[in-house]
Amino acid sequence: MKDINYNDLDIFQDLNNSHKSETISEFMEYLCLCNNVSVNVKTHVKKEIIKGHEDEGEIISENSFTEKKFNSSVAEERALLKTLKYFGFSIDKVNQKEITINIDGKSKVYYILGRNRYTESKKPSDMTRNRMSVILRAHKHEKESILLCKGNDLSIMEKLKITETKSEKFIRTMIEQIQIMANNGLRYFIFCKKKLNEQETNEFLSKYKLAENYVLQKEILFENVNNE
């Protein structure tokens, strides 16, 4: 998938709006963090032979450049990252313990406490997880954490706890927007964020580490932990 140009003027106007730009920027940053993508960086060396003077012979000039490739089984994730790159948000590197993102040329590191990957199957009999989640810390030694989750509408909606009238109104609006996108043949994700306090973070870590020790049914145990 080649780099893209994003021609919707509305989002550029919103990014210049002081009331909206912070929310949009935060959303784009979290989209960089919540994915199943691996980053492969390959260095290419281009050699060019330049003919010098008779007494110099041939001169070999070398130019190197790096190519960054995103690998994911989910096509929508690759498309999202290409779009984010257009707005100055990209992933520099990612491993099991941390992810480094680049925002307008500045690097920012998040520490991964746990991740449950996105899986999808067309067979109803298969155990599928049509959403993914990741829990991170912005600073290595801080006590709180952030839970990010994205997935299809059914897998996310069943986990939402509606406790206020304001929330009910928001959900109705979201469903209407989903219906409009579906009628236009568009694919979509629902994205959620929750801040976890120290107690919630510690409870998650203890259960997640326990699930890691199991060889059999590890993914089912991870799913149970994330469902909580």
C-alpha atoms as a PDB file:
ATOM      1  CA  MET A   1       0.000   0.000   0.000  1.00  0.00           C
ATOM      2  CA  LYS A   2       1.518   3.299  -1.126  1.00  0.00           C
ATOM      3  CA  ASP A   3       1.466   6.562   0.810  1.00  0.00           C
ATOM      4  CA  ILE A   4      -1.804   8.413   0.456  1.00  0.00           C
ATOM      5  CA  ASN A   5      -3.088  11.954   0.232  1.00  0.00           C
ATOM      6  CA  TYR A   6      -6.010  12.763   2.498  1.00  0.00           C
ATOM      7  CA  ASN A   7      -8.207  15.390   0.886  1.00  0.00           C
ATOM      8  CA  ASP A   8     -10.965  15.946   3.471  1.00  0.00           C
ATOM      9  CA  LEU A   9     -10.683  19.647   4.322  1.00  0.00           C
ATOM     10  CA  ASP A  10     -12.904  19.340   7.416  1.00  0.00           C
ATOM     11  CA  ILE A  11     -10.256  17.546   9.461  1.00  0.00           C
ATOM     12  CA  PHE A  12      -7.624  20.164   8.586  1.00  0.00           C
ATOM     13  CA  GLN A  13      -9.991  22.898   9.764  1.00  0.00           C
ATOM     14  CA  ASP A  14     -10.670  20.975  12.985  1.00  0.00           C
ATOM     15  CA  LEU A  15      -6.935  20.516  13.583  1.00  0.00           C
ATOM     16  CA  ASN A  16      -6.575  24.295  13.426  1.00  0.00           C
ATOM     17  CA  ASN A  17      -9.456  24.727  15.860  1.00  0.00           C
ATOM     18  CA  SER A  18      -8.098  25.135  19.387  1.00  0.00           C
ATOM     19  CA  HIS A  19     -11.189  23.453  20.883  1.00  0.00           C
ATOM     20  CA  LYS A  20     -10.928  20.340  18.701  1.00  0.00           C
ATOM     21  CA  SER A  21      -7.258  19.937  17.804  1.00  0.00           C
ATOM     22  CA  GLU A  22      -6.192  18.518  21.183  1.00  0.00           C
ATOM     23  CA  THR A  23      -8.907  15.832  21.113  1.00  0.00           C
ATOM     24  CA  ILE A  24      -8.134  14.865  17.501  1.00  0.00           C
ATOM     25  CA  SER A  25      -4.385  14.739  18.143  1.00  0.00           C
ATOM     26  CA  GLU A  26      -4.893  12.547  21.212  1.00  0.00           C
ATOM     27  CA  PHE A  27      -7.147  10.228  19.188  1.00  0.00           C
ATOM     28  CA  MET A  28      -4.541   9.903  16.422  1.00  0.00           C
ATOM     29  CA  GLU A  29      -1.829   9.210  18.990  1.00  0.00           C
ATOM     30  CA  TYR A  30      -3.900   6.418  20.550  1.00  0.00           C
ATOM     31  CA  LEU A  31      -4.630   4.933  17.109  1.00  0.00           C
ATOM     32  CA  CYS A  32      -0.868   4.596  16.643  1.00  0.00           C
ATOM     33  CA  LEU A  33      -0.623   2.732  19.940  1.00  0.00           C
ATOM     34  CA  CYS A  34      -3.559   0.314  19.610  1.00  0.00           C
ATOM     35  CA  ASN A  35      -2.824  -2.091  16.763  1.00  0.00           C
ATOM     36  CA  ASN A  36      -1.375  -5.485  15.825  1.00  0.00           C
ATOM     37  CA  VAL A  37       1.246  -4.027  13.511  1.00  0.00           C
ATOM     38  CA  SER A  38       4.890  -5.048  13.440  1.00  0.00           C
ATOM     39  CA  VAL A  39       7.450  -2.682  11.922  1.00  0.00           C
ATOM     40  CA  ASN A  40      10.221  -3.919   9.650  1.00  0.00           C
ATOM     41  CA  VAL A  41      12.985  -1.450   8.838  1.00  0.00           C
ATOM     42  CA  LYS A  42      15.187  -2.298   5.866  1.00  0.00           C
ATOM     43  CA  THR A  43      18.268  -0.346   4.807  1.00  0.00           C
ATOM     44  CA  HIS A  44      18.937  -0.097   1.087  1.00  0.00           C
ATOM     45  CA  VAL A  45      22.351   0.811  -0.314  1.00  0.00           C
ATOM     46  CA  LYS A  46      22.544   2.249  -3.791  1.00  0.00           C
ATOM     47  CA  LYS A  47      25.935   2.139  -5.476  1.00  0.00           C
ATOM     48  CA  GLU A  48      26.818   4.355  -8.408  1.00  0.00           C
ATOM     49  CA  ILE A  49      29.984   4.141 -10.443  1.00  0.00           C
ATOM     50  CA  ILE A  50      31.300   7.533 -11.458  1.00  0.00           C
ATOM     51  CA  LYS A  51      34.009   7.800 -14.064  1.00  0.00           C
ATOM     52  CA  GLY A  52      36.784  10.037 -12.823  1.00  0.00           C
ATOM     53  CA  HIS A  53      39.866  11.415 -14.550  1.00  0.00           C
ATOM     54  CA  GLU A  54      42.210   8.999 -16.307  1.00  0.00           C
ATOM     55  CA  ASP A  55      44.580   8.867 -13.358  1.00  0.00           C
ATOM     56  CA  GLU A  56      41.725   8.378 -10.842  1.00  0.00           C
ATOM     57  CA  GLY A  57      39.921   5.445 -12.474  1.00  0.00           C
ATOM     58  CA  GLU A  58      36.388   4.637 -11.341  1.00  0.00           C
ATOM     59  CA  ILE A  59      34.874   6.164  -8.205  1.00  0.00           C
ATOM     60  CA  ILE A  60      32.093   4.275  -6.413  1.00  0.00           C
ATOM     61  CA  SER A  61      29.489   6.449  -4.704  1.00  0.00           C
ATOM     62  CA  GLU A  62      27.199   4.894  -2.096  1.00  0.00           C
ATOM     63  CA  ASN A  63      23.883   6.298  -0.911  1.00  0.00           C
ATOM     64  CA  SER A  64      21.783   4.549   1.717  1.00  0.00           C
ATOM     65  CA  PHE A  65      18.150   5.002   2.718  1.00  0.00           C
ATOM     66  CA  THR A  66      15.806   3.180   5.059  1.00  0.00           C
ATOM     67  CA  GLU A  67      12.391   1.792   4.198  1.00  0.00           C
ATOM     68  CA  LYS A  68       9.789   1.223   6.917  1.00  0.00           C
ATOM     69  CA  LYS A  69       7.155  -1.438   6.279  1.00  0.00           C
ATOM     70  CA  PHE A  70       4.085  -2.151   8.410  1.00  0.00           C
ATOM     71  CA  ASN A  71       2.962  -5.770   8.642  1.00  0.00           C
ATOM     72  CA  SER A  72      -0.546  -6.652   9.812  1.00  0.00           C
ATOM     73  CA  SER A  73      -3.123  -9.287   8.938  1.00  0.00           C
ATOM     74  CA  VAL A  74      -5.780  -6.568   9.213  1.00  0.00           C
ATOM     75  CA  ALA A  75      -5.884  -4.383   6.076  1.00  0.00           C
ATOM     76  CA  GLU A  76      -7.763  -1.594   7.881  1.00  0.00           C
ATOM     77  CA  GLU A  77      -4.882  -1.195  10.316  1.00  0.00           C
ATOM     78  CA  ARG A  78      -2.383  -0.655   7.505  1.00  0.00           C
ATOM     79  CA  ALA A  79      -4.722   1.879   5.908  1.00  0.00           C
ATOM     80  CA  LEU A  80      -5.162   3.744   9.210  1.00  0.00           C
ATOM     81  CA  LEU A  81      -1.399   3.971   9.778  1.00  0.00           C
ATOM     82  CA  LYS A  82      -0.872   5.312   6.263  1.00  0.00           C
ATOM     83  CA  THR A  83      -3.475   7.988   6.970  1.00  0.00           C
ATOM     84  CA  LEU A  84      -1.946   8.841  10.357  1.00  0.00           C
ATOM     85  CA  LYS A  85       1.472   9.228   8.750  1.00  0.00           C
ATOM     86  CA  TYR A  86      -0.007  11.877   6.463  1.00  0.00           C
ATOM     87  CA  PHE A  87      -0.910  13.900   9.587  1.00  0.00           C
ATOM     88  CA  GLY A  88       2.500  13.472  11.215  1.00  0.00           C
ATOM     89  CA  PHE A  89       1.824  10.433  13.436  1.00  0.00           C
ATOM     90  CA  SER A  90       3.796   7.226  12.879  1.00  0.00           C
ATOM     91  CA  ILE A  91       5.298   4.201  14.636  1.00  0.00           C
ATOM     92  CA  ASP A  92       9.085   4.141  14.897  1.00  0.00           C
ATOM     93  CA  LYS A  93       9.499   0.758  16.554  1.00  0.00           C
ATOM     94  CA  VAL A  94       7.549  -1.746  18.603  1.00  0.00           C
ATOM     95  CA  ASN A  95       8.344  -4.855  20.624  1.00  0.00           C
ATOM     96  CA  GLN A  96       6.747  -6.850  23.430  1.00  0.00           C
ATOM     97  CA  LYS A  97       7.597  -4.293  26.121  1.00  0.00           C
ATOM     98  CA  GLU A  98       7.390  -0.856  24.515  1.00  0.00           C
ATOM     99  CA  ILE A  99       6.271   1.104  21.504  1.00  0.00           C
ATOM    100  CA  THR A 100       7.914   4.275  20.190  1.00  0.00           C
ATOM    101  CA  ILE A 101       5.799   6.637  18.133  1.00  0.00           C
ATOM    102  CA  ASN A 102       6.768   9.774  16.249  1.00  0.00           C
ATOM    103  CA  ILE A 103       4.610  12.885  16.433  1.00  0.00           C
ATOM    104  CA  ASP A 104       5.693  15.664  14.077  1.00  0.00           C
ATOM    105  CA  GLY A 105       9.324  14.589  14.330  1.00  0.00           C
ATOM    106  CA  LYS A 106       9.372  14.048  18.113  1.00  0.00           C
ATOM    107  CA  SER A 107       9.700  10.547  19.600  1.00  0.00           C
ATOM    108  CA  LYS A 108       7.462   9.386  22.432  1.00  0.00           C
ATOM    109  CA  VAL A 109       7.782   6.049  24.258  1.00  0.00           C
ATOM    110  CA  TYR A 110       4.930   4.081  25.853  1.00  0.00           C
ATOM    111  CA  TYR A 111       5.469   0.975  27.995  1.00  0.00           C
ATOM    112  CA  ILE A 112       3.263  -2.042  27.229  1.00  0.00           C
ATOM    113  CA  LEU A 113       1.838  -3.855  30.255  1.00  0.00           C
ATOM    114  CA  GLY A 114      -0.293  -6.282  28.266  1.00  0.00           C
ATOM    115  CA  ARG A 115      -1.831  -6.824  24.864  1.00  0.00           C
ATOM    116  CA  ASN A 116      -4.604  -9.033  23.518  1.00  0.00           C
ATOM    117  CA  ARG A 117      -4.498  -9.295  19.763  1.00  0.00           C
ATOM    118  CA  TYR A 118      -7.207  -8.846  17.163  1.00  0.00           C
ATOM    119  CA  THR A 119      -8.397 -12.038  15.468  1.00  0.00           C
ATOM    120  CA  GLU A 120     -11.099 -12.543  12.910  1.00  0.00           C
ATOM    121  CA  SER A 121     -12.746 -15.576  11.335  1.00  0.00           C
ATOM    122  CA  LYS A 122     -15.640 -16.132   8.959  1.00  0.00           C
ATOM    123  CA  LYS A 123     -16.461 -19.477  10.597  1.00  0.00           C
ATOM    124  CA  PRO A 124     -19.059 -19.148  13.393  1.00  0.00           C
ATOM    125  CA  SER A 125     -17.646 -22.256  15.057  1.00  0.00           C
ATOM    126  CA  ASP A 126     -14.219 -20.629  15.558  1.00  0.00           C
ATOM    127  CA  MET A 127     -13.385 -18.708  18.721  1.00  0.00           C
ATOM    128  CA  THR A 128     -12.814 -15.183  17.462  1.00  0.00           C
ATOM    129  CA  ARG A 129     -11.867 -11.934  19.090  1.00  0.00           C
ATOM    130  CA  ASN A 130     -13.131  -9.187  16.818  1.00  0.00           C
ATOM    131  CA  ARG A 131     -11.411  -6.536  18.891  1.00  0.00           C
ATOM    132  CA  MET A 132      -7.974  -5.913  20.343  1.00  0.00           C
ATOM    133  CA  SER A 133      -6.802  -4.179  23.485  1.00  0.00           C
ATOM    134  CA  VAL A 134      -3.585  -2.891  24.959  1.00  0.00           C
ATOM    135  CA  ILE A 135      -2.700  -1.464  28.380  1.00  0.00           C
ATOM    136  CA  LEU A 136       0.111   1.081  28.506  1.00  0.00           C
ATOM    137  CA  ARG A 137       1.998   3.493  30.693  1.00  0.00           C
ATOM    138  CA  ALA A 138       3.327   6.787  29.421  1.00  0.00           C
ATOM    139  CA  HIS A 139       6.080   6.670  32.056  1.00  0.00           C
ATOM    140  CA  LYS A 140       7.832   3.506  33.190  1.00  0.00           C
ATOM    141  CA  HIS A 141       7.385   3.969  36.932  1.00  0.00           C
ATOM    142  CA  GLU A 142       3.969   5.635  37.092  1.00  0.00           C
ATOM    143  CA  LYS A 143       1.230   3.768  38.948  1.00  0.00           C
ATOM    144  CA  GLU A 144      -1.742   4.387  36.662  1.00  0.00           C
ATOM    145  CA  SER A 145      -2.228   3.116  33.122  1.00  0.00           C
ATOM    146  CA  ILE A 146      -4.385   3.513  30.009  1.00  0.00           C
ATOM    147  CA  LEU A 147      -6.560   0.814  28.452  1.00  0.00           C
ATOM    148  CA  LEU A 148      -7.145   1.192  24.695  1.00  0.00           C
ATOM    149  CA  CYS A 149      -9.513  -1.048  22.781  1.00  0.00           C
ATOM    150  CA  LYS A 150     -10.816  -1.170  19.218  1.00  0.00           C
ATOM    151  CA  GLY A 151     -12.923  -3.592  17.209  1.00  0.00           C
ATOM    152  CA  ASN A 152     -16.170  -4.109  15.370  1.00  0.00           C
ATOM    153  CA  ASP A 153     -19.439  -2.707  16.676  1.00  0.00           C
ATOM    154  CA  LEU A 154     -20.825  -5.917  18.220  1.00  0.00           C
ATOM    155  CA  SER A 155     -17.638  -6.842  20.082  1.00  0.00           C
ATOM    156  CA  ILE A 156     -17.321  -3.352  21.607  1.00  0.00           C
ATOM    157  CA  MET A 157     -20.976  -2.544  22.291  1.00  0.00           C
ATOM    158  CA  GLU A 158     -21.449  -5.652  24.434  1.00  0.00           C
ATOM    159  CA  LYS A 159     -18.700  -4.405  26.778  1.00  0.00           C
ATOM    160  CA  LEU A 160     -19.974  -0.847  27.242  1.00  0.00           C
ATOM    161  CA  LYS A 161     -21.540   0.072  30.565  1.00  0.00           C
ATOM    162  CA  ILE A 162     -24.135   2.803  30.106  1.00  0.00           C
ATOM    163  CA  THR A 163     -24.709   4.534  33.423  1.00  0.00           C
ATOM    164  CA  GLU A 164     -25.858   8.026  32.447  1.00  0.00           C
ATOM    165  CA  THR A 165     -28.447   9.596  30.148  1.00  0.00           C
ATOM    166  CA  LYS A 166     -25.605  11.471  28.464  1.00  0.00           C
ATOM    167  CA  SER A 167     -23.973   8.131  27.613  1.00  0.00           C
ATOM    168  CA  GLU A 168     -27.218   6.783  26.136  1.00  0.00           C
ATOM    169  CA  LYS A 169     -27.472   9.813  23.857  1.00  0.00           C
ATOM    170  CA  PHE A 170     -23.851   9.380  22.770  1.00  0.00           C
ATOM    171  CA  ILE A 171     -24.428   5.682  21.976  1.00  0.00           C
ATOM    172  CA  ARG A 172     -27.511   6.484  19.880  1.00  0.00           C
ATOM    173  CA  THR A 173     -25.533   9.065  17.908  1.00  0.00           C
ATOM    174  CA  MET A 174     -22.696   6.584  17.362  1.00  0.00           C
ATOM    175  CA  ILE A 175     -25.097   3.891  16.109  1.00  0.00           C
ATOM    176  CA  GLU A 176     -26.597   6.375  13.636  1.00  0.00           C
ATOM    177  CA  GLN A 177     -23.127   7.256  12.335  1.00  0.00           C
ATOM    178  CA  ILE A 178     -22.219   3.559  12.023  1.00  0.00           C
ATOM    179  CA  GLN A 179     -25.385   2.941  10.009  1.00  0.00           C
ATOM    180  CA  ILE A 180     -24.524   5.791   7.627  1.00  0.00           C
ATOM    181  CA  MET A 181     -21.004   4.409   7.079  1.00  0.00           C
ATOM    182  CA  ALA A 182     -22.316   0.869   6.581  1.00  0.00           C
ATOM    183  CA  ASN A 183     -24.887   2.068   4.024  1.00  0.00           C
ATOM    184  CA  ASN A 184     -22.053   3.727   2.104  1.00  0.00           C
ATOM    185  CA  GLY A 185     -20.008   0.518   2.060  1.00  0.00           C
ATOM    186  CA  LEU A 186     -17.356   1.792   4.463  1.00  0.00           C
ATOM    187  CA  ARG A 187     -15.413  -0.317   6.966  1.00  0.00           C
ATOM    188  CA  TYR A 188     -15.091   1.029  10.497  1.00  0.00           C
ATOM    189  CA  PHE A 189     -13.719   0.407  13.963  1.00  0.00           C
ATOM    190  CA  ILE A 190     -15.113   1.509  17.306  1.00  0.00           C
ATOM    191  CA  PHE A 191     -12.366   2.855  19.553  1.00  0.00           C
ATOM    192  CA  CYS A 192     -12.491   3.086  23.355  1.00  0.00           C
ATOM    193  CA  LYS A 193     -10.234   4.434  26.085  1.00  0.00           C
ATOM    194  CA  LYS A 194     -10.297   3.980  29.841  1.00  0.00           C
ATOM    195  CA  LYS A 195      -7.912   5.253  32.498  1.00  0.00           C
ATOM    196  CA  LEU A 196      -7.024   2.637  35.105  1.00  0.00           C
ATOM    197  CA  ASN A 197      -6.095   3.695  38.614  1.00  0.00           C
ATOM    198  CA  GLU A 198      -3.316   2.050  40.627  1.00  0.00           C
ATOM    199  CA  GLN A 199      -5.533  -0.683  42.080  1.00  0.00           C
ATOM    200  CA  GLU A 200      -7.084  -1.585  38.713  1.00  0.00           C
ATOM    201  CA  THR A 201      -3.646  -1.646  37.093  1.00  0.00           C
ATOM    202  CA  ASN A 202      -2.175  -3.925  39.746  1.00  0.00           C
ATOM    203  CA  GLU A 203      -5.144  -6.301  39.559  1.00  0.00           C
ATOM    204  CA  PHE A 204      -4.765  -6.535  35.796  1.00  0.00           C
ATOM    205  CA  LEU A 205      -1.008  -7.149  36.012  1.00  0.00           C
ATOM    206  CA  SER A 206      -1.343  -9.990  38.509  1.00  0.00           C
ATOM    207  CA  LYS A 207      -4.006 -11.762  36.410  1.00  0.00           C
ATOM    208  CA  TYR A 208      -2.161 -11.140  33.146  1.00  0.00           C
ATOM    209  CA  LYS A 209       1.118 -12.543  34.505  1.00  0.00           C
ATOM    210  CA  LEU A 210      -0.725 -15.594  35.801  1.00  0.00           C
ATOM    211  CA  ALA A 211      -2.244 -16.204  32.346  1.00  0.00           C
ATOM    212  CA  GLU A 212       1.218 -15.900  30.765  1.00  0.00           C
ATOM    213  CA  ASN A 213       2.406 -18.937  32.741  1.00  0.00           C
ATOM    214  CA  TYR A 214      -0.067 -21.255  31.033  1.00  0.00           C
ATOM    215  CA  VAL A 215       1.014 -23.072  27.878  1.00  0.00           C
ATOM    216  CA  LEU A 216      -2.404 -24.479  26.980  1.00  0.00           C
ATOM    217  CA  GLN A 217      -5.421 -22.223  26.456  1.00  0.00           C
ATOM    218  CA  LYS A 218      -3.297 -19.117  26.969  1.00  0.00           C
ATOM    219  CA  GLU A 219      -5.348 -17.031  24.521  1.00  0.00           C
ATOM    220  CA  ILE A 220      -8.606 -17.986  26.274  1.00  0.00           C
ATOM    221  CA  LEU A 221      -7.165 -16.908  29.628  1.00  0.00           C
ATOM    222  CA  PHE A 222      -5.927 -13.614  28.145  1.00  0.00           C
ATOM    223  CA  GLU A 223      -9.436 -13.080  26.778  1.00  0.00           C
ATOM    224  CA  ASN A 224     -10.962 -13.676  30.228  1.00  0.00           C
ATOM    225  CA  VAL A 225      -8.560 -11.175  31.802  1.00  0.00           C
ATOM    226  CA  ASN A 226      -9.348  -8.500  29.207  1.00  0.00           C
ATOM    227  CA  ASN A 227     -13.095  -9.120  29.491  1.00  0.00           C
ATOM    228  CA  GLU A 228     -12.896  -8.094  33.141  1.00  0.00           C
END
